[in-house]
Amino acid sequence: MTSAVDCLCKYAFEELEMNRVQICCAVENTSSSNIPRRLGFQFEGIERAGELFPDGIFADIEVYSLLKNEY
């Protein structure tokens, strides 16, 4: 999954000329949060009740970002 996200970042920055890529994942989902950490994303903080799960419960999410000049 990490290499797939890296490929998507490359496409976003080089082909789509985007300036920023953001990844959000549930606070307790360490498997997902390890991906942006491995790729050098910056941790921006926690968005409280930022995601609604199918069971109707809101969860806090971690927000990570990577800028084009950091890639």
Protein backbone atom coordinates (compact mmCIF):
# COMPACT_ATOMS: atom_id res chain seq x y z
CA MET A 1 0.00 0.00 0.00
CA THR A 2 2.86 2.38 0.75
CA SER A 3 4.27 2.04 -2.76
CA ALA A 4 0.80 2.58 -4.25
CA VAL A 5 0.37 5.80 -2.28
CA ASP A 6 3.85 6.90 -3.33
CA CYS A 7 2.87 6.36 -6.99
CA LEU A 8 -0.30 8.39 -6.45
CA CYS A 9 1.74 11.21 -4.92
CA LYS A 10 4.11 11.18 -7.88
CA TYR A 11 1.14 11.38 -10.25
CA ALA A 12 -0.50 14.16 -8.21
CA PHE A 13 2.63 16.31 -8.09
CA GLU A 14 4.14 15.63 -11.51
CA GLU A 15 1.17 15.03 -13.79
CA LEU A 16 -1.66 16.94 -12.11
CA GLU A 17 0.69 19.67 -10.82
CA MET A 18 -0.98 19.67 -7.41
CA ASN A 19 0.74 21.45 -4.54
CA ARG A 20 -0.57 19.39 -1.64
CA VAL A 21 -1.64 15.83 -0.87
CA GLN A 22 -3.53 15.10 2.34
CA ILE A 23 -4.16 11.76 4.04
CA CYS A 24 -6.66 11.28 6.85
CA CYS A 25 -7.07 8.13 8.93
CA ALA A 26 -8.83 7.14 12.12
CA VAL A 27 -6.77 7.84 15.25
CA GLU A 28 -6.51 4.21 16.29
CA ASN A 29 -5.78 2.87 12.79
CA THR A 30 -2.00 2.54 13.09
CA SER A 31 -1.69 0.44 9.92
CA SER A 32 -3.07 3.35 7.91
CA SER A 33 -1.24 6.11 9.78
CA ASN A 34 2.09 4.35 9.24
CA ILE A 35 1.79 4.92 5.48
CA PRO A 36 2.07 8.73 5.46
CA ARG A 37 4.72 8.56 8.18
CA ARG A 38 6.88 6.25 6.03
CA LEU A 39 6.47 8.60 3.06
CA GLY A 40 7.57 11.72 4.93
CA PHE A 41 4.18 13.37 5.37
CA GLN A 42 3.87 15.94 8.15
CA PHE A 43 1.42 15.29 10.98
CA GLU A 44 -0.90 18.30 11.15
CA GLY A 45 -3.13 17.30 14.02
CA ILE A 46 -6.33 15.54 14.96
CA GLU A 47 -9.67 16.51 13.51
CA ARG A 48 -12.26 15.86 16.19
CA ALA A 49 -15.24 13.79 15.06
CA GLY A 50 -13.95 14.09 11.51
CA GLU A 51 -15.28 10.85 10.06
CA LEU A 52 -18.69 9.22 10.24
CA PHE A 53 -18.58 5.42 10.31
CA PRO A 54 -21.39 3.24 8.90
CA ASP A 55 -22.56 2.43 12.43
CA GLY A 56 -23.38 6.13 12.97
CA ILE A 57 -20.44 6.88 15.26
CA PHE A 58 -18.07 9.76 14.60
CA ALA A 59 -14.36 9.12 15.00
CA ASP A 60 -11.40 11.44 15.45
CA ILE A 61 -9.00 11.40 12.50
CA GLU A 62 -5.30 12.13 12.13
CA VAL A 63 -4.42 14.54 9.32
CA TYR A 64 -1.13 14.27 7.40
CA SER A 65 0.04 16.36 4.46
CA LEU A 66 2.86 16.46 1.94
CA LEU A 67 3.71 19.51 -0.18
CA LYS A 68 5.16 19.37 -3.66
CA ASN A 69 8.43 20.96 -2.55
CA GLU A 70 8.79 18.26 0.13
CA TYR A 71 8.30 15.37 -2.27
